[in-house]
Amino acid sequence: MRIETQGKTHVRIIMREKKAKDLLAGLLAHPDLGEEAKELADKLQAAGVTPPPAAPGSHRHQYAPPMDE
């Protein structure tokens, strides 16, 4: 993320698309963060950012030791 311009009442930042999607997903997952977070989420969505698709269910991996012959 990089701050491009900064004024008294606004800040313009540049970030990679994946980071913007992750940020939006976090903001939408926590509506209790307040009005500023909601405004930022609205601005991200207005800029065309969409949250990443939901991850598939957890996969369970188990270690299986080699079989002795």
C-alpha atoms as a PDB file:
ATOM      1  CA  MET A   1       0.000   0.000   0.000  1.00  0.00           C
ATOM      2  CA  ARG A   2       1.269   3.436  -0.843  1.00  0.00           C
ATOM      3  CA  ILE A   3      -0.123   6.852   0.041  1.00  0.00           C
ATOM      4  CA  GLU A   4      -0.381   8.847  -3.172  1.00  0.00           C
ATOM      5  CA  THR A   5      -1.919  12.114  -1.979  1.00  0.00           C
ATOM      6  CA  GLN A   6      -2.891  13.390   1.412  1.00  0.00           C
ATOM      7  CA  GLY A   7      -5.045  16.375   2.251  1.00  0.00           C
ATOM      8  CA  LYS A   8      -6.734  17.749   5.344  1.00  0.00           C
ATOM      9  CA  THR A   9      -9.926  15.746   4.747  1.00  0.00           C
ATOM     10  CA  HIS A  10      -8.916  12.930   2.387  1.00  0.00           C
ATOM     11  CA  VAL A  11      -6.196  10.414   1.642  1.00  0.00           C
ATOM     12  CA  ARG A  12      -5.659   8.553  -1.610  1.00  0.00           C
ATOM     13  CA  ILE A  13      -3.902   5.211  -1.408  1.00  0.00           C
ATOM     14  CA  ILE A  14      -2.737   2.727  -4.003  1.00  0.00           C
ATOM     15  CA  MET A  15      -2.712  -0.992  -3.231  1.00  0.00           C
ATOM     16  CA  ARG A  16      -2.651  -4.277  -5.063  1.00  0.00           C
ATOM     17  CA  GLU A  17      -6.014  -5.775  -6.005  1.00  0.00           C
ATOM     18  CA  LYS A  18      -5.605  -8.808  -3.728  1.00  0.00           C
ATOM     19  CA  LYS A  19      -4.899  -6.588  -0.713  1.00  0.00           C
ATOM     20  CA  ALA A  20      -7.924  -4.428  -1.549  1.00  0.00           C
ATOM     21  CA  LYS A  21     -10.132  -7.534  -1.784  1.00  0.00           C
ATOM     22  CA  ASP A  22      -8.832  -8.833   1.542  1.00  0.00           C
ATOM     23  CA  LEU A  23      -9.370  -5.432   3.160  1.00  0.00           C
ATOM     24  CA  LEU A  24     -12.943  -5.275   1.860  1.00  0.00           C
ATOM     25  CA  ALA A  25     -13.675  -8.803   3.082  1.00  0.00           C
ATOM     26  CA  GLY A  26     -12.396  -7.878   6.546  1.00  0.00           C
ATOM     27  CA  LEU A  27     -14.429  -4.693   6.667  1.00  0.00           C
ATOM     28  CA  LEU A  28     -17.601  -6.502   5.589  1.00  0.00           C
ATOM     29  CA  ALA A  29     -16.993  -9.286   8.130  1.00  0.00           C
ATOM     30  CA  HIS A  30     -16.828  -6.777  11.003  1.00  0.00           C
ATOM     31  CA  PRO A  31     -19.666  -4.246  10.744  1.00  0.00           C
ATOM     32  CA  ASP A  32     -18.984  -3.270  14.356  1.00  0.00           C
ATOM     33  CA  LEU A  33     -15.864  -1.311  13.288  1.00  0.00           C
ATOM     34  CA  GLY A  34     -17.848   1.879  12.890  1.00  0.00           C
ATOM     35  CA  GLU A  35     -18.923   4.432  10.333  1.00  0.00           C
ATOM     36  CA  GLU A  36     -15.456   5.105   8.894  1.00  0.00           C
ATOM     37  CA  ALA A  37     -14.988   1.405   8.114  1.00  0.00           C
ATOM     38  CA  LYS A  38     -18.399   1.315   6.404  1.00  0.00           C
ATOM     39  CA  GLU A  39     -17.495   4.372   4.321  1.00  0.00           C
ATOM     40  CA  LEU A  40     -14.206   2.773   3.278  1.00  0.00           C
ATOM     41  CA  ALA A  41     -16.001  -0.458   2.335  1.00  0.00           C
ATOM     42  CA  ASP A  42     -18.514   1.541   0.278  1.00  0.00           C
ATOM     43  CA  LYS A  43     -15.708   3.391  -1.508  1.00  0.00           C
ATOM     44  CA  LEU A  44     -13.863   0.158  -2.265  1.00  0.00           C
ATOM     45  CA  GLN A  45     -17.043  -1.340  -3.720  1.00  0.00           C
ATOM     46  CA  ALA A  46     -17.706   1.833  -5.732  1.00  0.00           C
ATOM     47  CA  ALA A  47     -14.194   1.495  -7.187  1.00  0.00           C
ATOM     48  CA  GLY A  48     -15.087  -2.000  -8.423  1.00  0.00           C
ATOM     49  CA  VAL A  49     -13.418  -4.055  -5.698  1.00  0.00           C
ATOM     50  CA  THR A  50     -15.255  -7.264  -4.820  1.00  0.00           C
ATOM     51  CA  PRO A  51     -14.508  -9.529  -1.862  1.00  0.00           C
ATOM     52  CA  PRO A  52     -12.619 -12.736  -2.679  1.00  0.00           C
ATOM     53  CA  PRO A  53     -14.710 -15.891  -3.069  1.00  0.00           C
ATOM     54  CA  ALA A  54     -15.267 -17.899   0.085  1.00  0.00           C
ATOM     55  CA  ALA A  55     -12.631 -20.499   0.770  1.00  0.00           C
ATOM     56  CA  PRO A  56     -13.690 -24.119   0.398  1.00  0.00           C
ATOM     57  CA  GLY A  57     -14.336 -26.120   3.557  1.00  0.00           C
ATOM     58  CA  SER A  58     -11.314 -27.081   5.556  1.00  0.00           C
ATOM     59  CA  HIS A  59      -9.284 -29.992   4.311  1.00  0.00           C
ATOM     60  CA  ARG A  60      -7.887 -32.389   6.838  1.00  0.00           C
ATOM     61  CA  HIS A  61      -4.405 -33.716   6.232  1.00  0.00           C
ATOM     62  CA  GLN A  62      -2.913 -36.505   8.260  1.00  0.00           C
ATOM     63  CA  TYR A  63       0.576 -37.850   8.242  1.00  0.00           C
ATOM     64  CA  ALA A  64       0.840 -41.531   7.398  1.00  0.00           C
ATOM     65  CA  PRO A  65       4.192 -43.053   8.202  1.00  0.00           C
ATOM     66  CA  PRO A  66       5.738 -45.341   5.597  1.00  0.00           C
ATOM     67  CA  MET A  67       4.601 -48.922   5.761  1.00  0.00           C
ATOM     68  CA  ASP A  68       7.250 -51.476   6.704  1.00  0.00           C
ATOM     69  CA  GLU A  69       7.358 -54.537   4.527  1.00  0.00           C
END
